Protein backbone atom coordinates (compact mmCIF):
# COMPACT_ATOMS: atom_id res chain seq x y z
CA UNK A 1 20.46 56.21 -71.32
CA UNK A 2 23.90 56.41 -69.80
CA UNK A 3 22.63 54.86 -66.62
CA UNK A 4 21.29 51.87 -68.61
CA UNK A 5 24.56 51.24 -70.46
CA UNK A 6 26.73 51.28 -67.37
CA UNK A 7 24.76 48.59 -65.49
CA UNK A 8 24.55 46.48 -68.67
CA UNK A 9 28.32 46.72 -69.12
CA UNK A 10 28.85 45.77 -65.50
CA UNK A 11 26.43 42.83 -65.80
CA UNK A 12 28.20 41.63 -68.97
CA UNK A 13 31.59 41.95 -67.31
CA UNK A 14 30.38 40.15 -64.21
CA UNK A 15 28.73 37.36 -66.19
CA UNK A 16 31.94 36.83 -68.15
CA UNK A 17 33.86 36.70 -64.92
CA UNK A 18 31.49 34.09 -63.53
CA UNK A 19 31.63 31.86 -66.60
CA UNK A 20 35.33 31.90 -67.46
CA UNK A 21 36.77 30.42 -64.27
CA UNK A 22 34.43 27.43 -64.42
CA UNK A 23 35.97 26.42 -67.76
CA UNK A 24 39.55 27.30 -66.90
CA UNK A 25 40.45 24.23 -64.84
CA UNK A 26 39.99 20.55 -65.54
CA UNK A 27 39.88 18.85 -62.17
CA UNK A 28 39.87 15.18 -61.23
CA UNK A 29 36.06 15.08 -61.17
CA UNK A 30 35.99 16.03 -64.87
CA UNK A 31 37.80 12.76 -65.60
CA UNK A 32 36.27 10.62 -62.86
CA UNK A 33 32.58 11.26 -63.55
CA UNK A 34 32.45 10.07 -67.19
CA UNK A 35 34.67 7.11 -66.33
CA UNK A 36 32.33 6.21 -63.46
CA UNK A 37 29.30 6.38 -65.74
CA UNK A 38 30.85 3.97 -68.26
CA UNK A 39 31.95 1.59 -65.50
CA UNK A 40 28.57 1.70 -63.75
CA UNK A 41 26.88 0.70 -67.02
CA UNK A 42 28.72 -2.65 -66.84
CA UNK A 43 28.44 -3.12 -63.07
CA UNK A 44 31.88 -1.85 -62.00
CA UNK A 45 32.92 0.47 -59.20
CA UNK A 46 34.17 3.98 -59.97
CA UNK A 47 37.88 4.69 -60.16
CA UNK A 48 39.86 6.57 -57.51
CA UNK A 49 42.03 9.58 -58.41
CA UNK A 50 45.71 8.89 -57.84
CA UNK A 51 48.23 11.76 -57.55
CA UNK A 52 51.12 9.48 -58.61
CA UNK A 53 49.30 8.62 -61.85
CA UNK A 54 48.40 12.29 -62.34
CA UNK A 55 52.07 13.26 -61.95
CA UNK A 56 53.04 10.55 -64.45
CA UNK A 57 50.47 11.85 -66.96
CA UNK A 58 51.61 15.46 -66.45
CA UNK A 59 55.24 14.51 -66.93
CA UNK A 60 54.47 12.59 -70.12
CA UNK A 61 52.20 15.23 -71.66
CA UNK A 62 54.81 17.90 -70.92
CA UNK A 63 57.32 15.80 -72.89
CA UNK A 64 54.92 15.84 -75.88
CA UNK A 65 54.16 19.58 -75.75
CA UNK A 66 56.49 20.22 -78.69
CA UNK A 67 54.80 17.86 -81.14
CA UNK A 68 51.51 16.68 -79.57
CA UNK A 69 52.02 13.24 -81.13
CA UNK A 70 49.90 10.29 -80.04
CA UNK A 71 52.78 8.11 -78.94
CA UNK A 72 52.23 5.86 -75.93
CA UNK A 73 54.61 6.39 -73.04
CA UNK A 74 55.44 2.65 -72.82
CA UNK A 75 55.24 3.04 -69.05
CA UNK A 76 54.00 0.60 -66.40
CA UNK A 77 50.38 1.81 -66.50
CA UNK A 78 47.41 1.43 -68.77
CA UNK A 79 47.09 4.53 -70.93
CA UNK A 80 44.53 6.30 -73.08
CA UNK A 81 45.56 9.27 -75.20
CA UNK A 82 43.40 11.78 -77.03
CA UNK A 83 44.47 14.55 -79.38
CA UNK A 84 42.77 17.39 -81.22
CA UNK A 85 44.27 20.05 -83.49
CA UNK A 86 42.37 22.67 -81.48
CA UNK A 87 41.04 22.78 -77.94
CA UNK A 88 39.76 19.44 -76.66
CA UNK A 89 37.62 19.17 -73.57
CA UNK A 90 38.13 16.41 -71.05
CA UNK A 91 34.49 15.40 -71.50
CA UNK A 92 34.97 15.02 -75.27
CA UNK A 93 38.16 13.00 -74.84
CA UNK A 94 36.58 10.54 -72.41
CA UNK A 95 33.48 10.38 -74.63
CA UNK A 96 35.67 9.36 -77.59
CA UNK A 97 37.04 6.48 -75.52
CA UNK A 98 33.72 5.35 -74.04
CA UNK A 99 31.88 5.66 -77.37
CA UNK A 100 34.08 2.79 -78.58
CA UNK A 101 31.90 0.57 -76.38
CA UNK A 102 29.40 0.49 -79.25
CA UNK A 103 32.10 -1.23 -81.32
CA UNK A 104 32.93 -3.87 -78.71
CA UNK A 105 31.31 -7.32 -78.85
CA UNK A 106 31.46 -8.78 -75.34
CA UNK A 107 30.51 -12.31 -76.47
CA UNK A 108 33.45 -12.59 -78.87
CA UNK A 109 35.64 -10.18 -76.87
CA UNK A 110 36.53 -8.42 -80.11
CA UNK A 111 36.10 -5.04 -81.69
CA UNK A 112 33.73 -4.89 -84.64
CA UNK A 113 35.57 -5.34 -87.92
CA UNK A 114 37.54 -2.24 -88.83
CA UNK A 115 36.76 -0.54 -85.52
CA UNK A 116 38.76 0.38 -82.42
CA UNK A 117 37.62 -0.50 -78.90
CA UNK A 118 40.80 -0.78 -76.85
CA UNK A 119 40.38 2.62 -75.19
CA UNK A 120 36.91 1.60 -74.03
CA UNK A 121 38.20 -1.71 -72.70
CA UNK A 122 40.80 0.11 -70.61
CA UNK A 123 38.13 2.44 -69.17
CA UNK A 124 36.04 -0.55 -68.06
CA UNK A 125 38.84 -2.94 -67.11
CA UNK A 126 37.54 -4.77 -64.01
CA UNK A 127 40.84 -4.86 -62.10
CA UNK A 128 41.70 -1.19 -62.61
CA UNK A 129 41.09 0.84 -59.46
CA UNK A 130 42.99 4.11 -59.92
CA UNK A 131 43.35 6.81 -62.54
CA UNK A 132 45.39 9.95 -63.04
CA UNK A 133 45.20 12.27 -66.03
CA UNK A 134 46.64 15.45 -67.51
CA UNK A 135 45.85 17.86 -70.33
CA UNK A 136 48.28 20.11 -72.19
CA UNK A 137 48.02 22.67 -74.99
CA UNK A 138 50.83 21.92 -77.41
CA UNK A 139 53.07 24.39 -79.22
CA UNK A 140 51.19 23.69 -82.46
CA UNK A 141 47.88 24.79 -80.89
CA UNK A 142 46.59 21.26 -80.40
CA UNK A 143 45.50 19.59 -77.18
CA UNK A 144 46.81 16.32 -75.78
CA UNK A 145 45.08 14.45 -72.96
CA UNK A 146 46.55 11.41 -71.23
CA UNK A 147 44.90 9.16 -68.66
CA UNK A 148 46.87 6.47 -66.89
CA UNK A 149 45.31 3.45 -65.18
CA UNK A 150 46.52 1.17 -62.41
CA UNK A 151 46.51 -1.76 -62.44
CA UNK A 152 46.70 -1.65 -66.23
CA UNK A 153 44.26 -3.58 -68.35
CA UNK A 154 43.14 -4.29 -71.89
CA UNK A 155 45.06 -7.55 -72.14
CA UNK A 156 44.74 -9.57 -75.32
CA UNK A 157 42.32 -12.48 -74.95
CA UNK A 158 40.88 -11.33 -71.59
CA UNK A 159 37.44 -9.81 -71.18
CA UNK A 160 37.42 -6.42 -69.47
CA UNK A 161 34.51 -7.20 -67.11
C-alpha cells in the first residue's frame, strides 16, 4: 500500500504543477483571440498587440489598485474596463464586452433600449488596429481589467463597421 500512495501523491503534485502555471499568466493572446473572433464575425481584421498601449493600461490599472473603481482614464485611447469583486478572467471580461453585440442594432446604430453596447462597439471599431491590456488584483480583492485601443473608436453617430 505504501508504494501506491507515494506514486499517487507524486502524480497529484505533478498534475497540480502542470495546471497552475497555465492559469498564472494572462498573455496578449488571451486578449487578442476573443477580440479577433468578434471582429471576424463582422468582417474585420484582428487587432495587433501594442506594447505602448499595454504599458498605458498597466500604468492606469496600477493607479486604481487601491479602490478598483471603474473610472475611465480620460486618456487619448479608446478604453474598455471590466471589474469583478473576486477574480475575473480575461476571457470573461472580453466576453462581457462582446456579448453587448446582442444589444446593438446596426441599422439604427443604437443600443437596445435600456441596454449598453459601447464596449462592443469599441471592440469592433473598423479603424482600430492596435490593442494593449492589463489586469490587476486590487487591495479589496477585486480584479480590474483595462484594454486600450488605437485609434480610438465608438464615436457618437458613427457606425463601428
